[in-house]
């Protein structure tokens, strides 16, 4: 019988690196965001996240709120560590992520953002960049809403959300999916749910 050393990761197996000889890059900016209710966590699969029918169903059910055409940043994550054991100086436990999302749709949204700030721990953040959709795998751990006003009469008043969450080992990176055109449009234009013809 041989000894098998246990690890909490995939045993060191690394998939093939994808090199793009044409040098195409992804354009930055948090260009649209969505707050997804935690009851959908197990349903956040690639198949669902790339299905416009799934998004429409969850939006109509009031389980996803999409904020289109935003401006913001994503910090890419900061490692969380604790004092290690054995030969490890420090042990990485996960990463803390922060996204700042500016929304120019100020009028009429105080009640929405107040409720979101009061209930942030029930939501998972997703957001789009140029051609990619990023989806957290844990609920928000902090959410701060501001609507600062400058003295410049030409500056818009924005809702500025600072959303924070933690992802634990071994899934410390935020999932990245390539946007389909219809999902991209969902994050780019204002939407409204229409009453069905039967109503």
Protein backbone atom coordinates (compact mmCIF):
# COMPACT_ATOMS: atom_id res chain seq x y z
CA UNK A 1 0.00 0.00 0.00
CA UNK A 2 1.32 3.47 -0.89
CA UNK A 3 0.77 6.75 0.88
CA UNK A 4 -1.37 9.44 -0.74
CA UNK A 5 -0.84 13.02 0.40
CA UNK A 6 -4.07 14.99 0.60
CA UNK A 7 -4.41 18.54 -0.76
CA UNK A 8 -7.33 20.94 -0.92
CA UNK A 9 -6.65 21.76 -4.58
CA UNK A 10 -6.78 19.79 -7.84
CA UNK A 11 -3.51 17.96 -7.21
CA UNK A 12 -1.31 20.27 -9.25
CA UNK A 13 -2.97 19.53 -12.60
CA UNK A 14 -2.81 22.65 -14.77
CA UNK A 15 -4.83 22.96 -18.00
CA UNK A 16 -3.23 24.10 -21.24
CA UNK A 17 -2.39 27.80 -21.41
CA UNK A 18 -4.30 29.70 -24.12
CA UNK A 19 -2.04 32.02 -26.11
CA UNK A 20 -3.59 34.44 -28.61
CA UNK A 21 -1.07 35.25 -31.33
CA UNK A 22 -3.18 38.18 -32.54
CA UNK A 23 -2.75 39.96 -29.23
CA UNK A 24 -6.42 40.77 -28.65
CA UNK A 25 -7.12 42.14 -25.19
CA UNK A 26 -10.24 42.66 -23.12
CA UNK A 27 -11.43 46.24 -22.69
CA UNK A 28 -11.83 47.47 -19.13
CA UNK A 29 -14.51 49.29 -17.10
CA UNK A 30 -17.39 47.77 -15.19
CA UNK A 31 -19.92 48.48 -17.95
CA UNK A 32 -23.00 46.89 -16.41
CA UNK A 33 -23.82 45.01 -13.21
CA UNK A 34 -26.36 42.58 -11.80
CA UNK A 35 -27.34 41.63 -8.27
CA UNK A 36 -28.36 37.97 -8.16
CA UNK A 37 -30.32 36.56 -5.22
CA UNK A 38 -28.43 33.95 -3.22
CA UNK A 39 -31.22 31.40 -3.78
CA UNK A 40 -29.88 31.11 -7.36
CA UNK A 41 -26.30 30.28 -6.28
CA UNK A 42 -26.49 26.61 -7.31
CA UNK A 43 -28.01 27.66 -10.66
CA UNK A 44 -25.06 29.92 -11.61
CA UNK A 45 -23.80 27.53 -14.27
CA UNK A 46 -22.28 28.50 -17.61
CA UNK A 47 -25.35 27.14 -19.40
CA UNK A 48 -27.72 29.34 -17.40
CA UNK A 49 -25.52 32.44 -17.34
CA UNK A 50 -25.25 32.36 -21.14
CA UNK A 51 -28.98 31.79 -21.67
CA UNK A 52 -31.07 34.94 -22.21
CA UNK A 53 -34.21 32.92 -21.41
CA UNK A 54 -32.79 32.06 -17.96
CA UNK A 55 -31.91 35.72 -17.26
CA UNK A 56 -35.36 36.88 -18.37
CA UNK A 57 -37.07 34.30 -16.16
CA UNK A 58 -35.08 35.32 -13.06
CA UNK A 59 -35.53 39.05 -13.72
CA UNK A 60 -39.29 38.61 -14.07
CA UNK A 61 -39.30 36.59 -10.83
CA UNK A 62 -37.56 39.47 -9.03
CA UNK A 63 -34.45 37.40 -8.28
CA UNK A 64 -32.02 39.39 -10.46
CA UNK A 65 -31.67 43.16 -10.73
CA UNK A 66 -29.66 44.44 -13.72
CA UNK A 67 -27.99 47.86 -13.64
CA UNK A 68 -27.12 48.71 -17.27
CA UNK A 69 -24.53 51.10 -18.69
CA UNK A 70 -22.45 51.69 -15.59
CA UNK A 71 -18.95 53.04 -15.07
CA UNK A 72 -16.64 51.51 -12.51
CA UNK A 73 -13.66 49.47 -11.45
CA UNK A 74 -12.79 46.02 -10.15
CA UNK A 75 -9.67 45.54 -8.04
CA UNK A 76 -8.93 41.94 -9.14
CA UNK A 77 -8.69 40.64 -5.58
CA UNK A 78 -6.40 40.85 -2.54
CA UNK A 79 -5.07 37.69 -0.92
CA UNK A 80 -6.31 36.79 2.57
CA UNK A 81 -3.74 34.96 4.69
CA UNK A 82 -3.40 33.56 8.19
CA UNK A 83 -0.32 32.35 10.05
CA UNK A 84 0.74 29.02 8.60
CA UNK A 85 1.64 25.68 10.18
CA UNK A 86 4.61 23.40 9.63
CA UNK A 87 6.90 24.82 6.95
CA UNK A 88 4.34 27.36 5.73
CA UNK A 89 5.02 30.93 6.85
CA UNK A 90 1.53 32.00 5.81
CA UNK A 91 -1.50 30.12 4.58
CA UNK A 92 -3.70 31.64 1.88
CA UNK A 93 -7.39 31.28 2.74
CA UNK A 94 -8.95 33.16 -0.16
CA UNK A 95 -9.26 36.61 -1.71
CA UNK A 96 -11.25 39.73 -0.97
CA UNK A 97 -12.70 41.50 -4.00
CA UNK A 98 -13.96 45.06 -4.35
CA UNK A 99 -15.97 46.49 -7.24
CA UNK A 100 -17.01 50.15 -7.51
CA UNK A 101 -20.09 50.65 -9.67
CA UNK A 102 -21.29 54.12 -10.71
CA UNK A 103 -24.89 54.41 -11.91
CA UNK A 104 -26.07 57.58 -13.67
CA UNK A 105 -29.76 56.64 -13.26
CA UNK A 106 -30.08 58.69 -10.08
CA UNK A 107 -33.68 59.91 -10.07
CA UNK A 108 -36.16 57.54 -8.46
CA UNK A 109 -33.65 54.93 -7.30
CA UNK A 110 -33.18 55.86 -3.65
CA UNK A 111 -35.62 53.20 -2.41
CA UNK A 112 -33.96 50.52 -4.55
CA UNK A 113 -30.45 51.28 -3.34
CA UNK A 114 -31.55 51.71 0.29
CA UNK A 115 -33.15 48.25 0.20
CA UNK A 116 -30.04 46.78 -1.48
CA UNK A 117 -27.77 48.36 1.13
CA UNK A 118 -29.98 46.93 3.90
CA UNK A 119 -30.10 43.44 2.33
CA UNK A 120 -26.74 43.13 0.52
CA UNK A 121 -25.86 39.79 2.18
CA UNK A 122 -28.64 38.17 0.11
CA UNK A 123 -26.99 39.01 -3.22
CA UNK A 124 -24.16 37.85 -5.48
CA UNK A 125 -22.55 40.34 -7.87
CA UNK A 126 -22.08 39.86 -11.60
CA UNK A 127 -20.71 42.45 -14.00
CA UNK A 128 -19.59 42.86 -17.59
CA UNK A 129 -16.53 44.36 -19.20
CA UNK A 130 -16.14 44.71 -22.98
CA UNK A 131 -16.80 41.12 -24.08
CA UNK A 132 -16.77 39.23 -20.79
CA UNK A 133 -19.15 38.48 -17.93
CA UNK A 134 -17.71 38.01 -14.45
CA UNK A 135 -19.71 36.30 -11.71
CA UNK A 136 -18.76 36.05 -8.03
CA UNK A 137 -19.24 32.71 -6.28
CA UNK A 138 -20.14 34.09 -2.85
CA UNK A 139 -22.60 36.66 -1.49
CA UNK A 140 -21.56 40.22 -0.75
CA UNK A 141 -19.87 40.78 2.60
CA UNK A 142 -20.19 44.58 2.48
CA UNK A 143 -22.03 47.12 0.36
CA UNK A 144 -21.79 50.89 0.69
CA UNK A 145 -23.93 53.28 -1.32
CA UNK A 146 -23.06 56.95 -1.88
CA UNK A 147 -24.45 59.74 -4.04
CA UNK A 148 -21.93 62.52 -3.58
CA UNK A 149 -22.61 65.94 -5.10
CA UNK A 150 -19.79 68.09 -6.47
CA UNK A 151 -19.86 71.88 -6.84
CA UNK A 152 -19.49 71.66 -10.63
CA UNK A 153 -22.90 72.30 -12.19
CA UNK A 154 -22.04 70.04 -15.15
CA UNK A 155 -21.12 66.97 -13.05
CA UNK A 156 -23.84 64.32 -12.86
CA UNK A 157 -24.98 63.02 -9.49
CA UNK A 158 -24.26 59.29 -9.47
CA UNK A 159 -25.17 56.37 -7.28
CA UNK A 160 -21.73 54.94 -6.36
CA UNK A 161 -21.81 51.41 -4.94
CA UNK A 162 -18.77 49.82 -3.33
CA UNK A 163 -19.40 46.06 -3.28
CA UNK A 164 -17.12 43.65 -1.40
CA UNK A 165 -17.06 39.86 -1.23
CA UNK A 166 -14.68 37.02 -0.31
CA UNK A 167 -13.94 33.89 -2.33
CA UNK A 168 -12.30 31.00 -0.51
CA UNK A 169 -9.72 28.41 -1.48
CA UNK A 170 -9.70 26.61 -3.90
CA UNK A 171 -11.99 28.79 -6.08
CA UNK A 172 -10.36 32.16 -5.50
CA UNK A 173 -10.76 33.58 -9.02
CA UNK A 174 -13.96 35.19 -10.25
CA UNK A 175 -15.53 33.17 -13.07
CA UNK A 176 -15.12 34.73 -16.53
CA UNK A 177 -17.50 33.91 -19.39
CA UNK A 178 -17.54 35.25 -22.95
CA UNK A 179 -20.67 37.36 -23.45
CA UNK A 180 -23.21 36.47 -26.09
CA UNK A 181 -24.77 39.40 -27.95
CA UNK A 182 -28.14 39.09 -26.21
CA UNK A 183 -26.62 38.93 -22.72
CA UNK A 184 -24.38 41.90 -23.57
CA UNK A 185 -27.48 43.86 -24.65
CA UNK A 186 -29.17 43.00 -21.34
CA UNK A 187 -26.32 44.78 -19.51
CA UNK A 188 -26.32 47.74 -21.92
CA UNK A 189 -29.93 48.95 -22.13
CA UNK A 190 -32.70 49.83 -19.70
CA UNK A 191 -35.27 47.05 -19.41
CA UNK A 192 -38.76 46.72 -18.08
CA UNK A 193 -40.93 43.69 -17.56
CA UNK A 194 -44.12 43.65 -19.59
CA UNK A 195 -47.41 42.26 -18.36
CA UNK A 196 -48.32 39.03 -20.13
CA UNK A 197 -51.15 39.05 -22.68
CA UNK A 198 -53.28 37.00 -20.22
CA UNK A 199 -53.07 39.63 -17.46
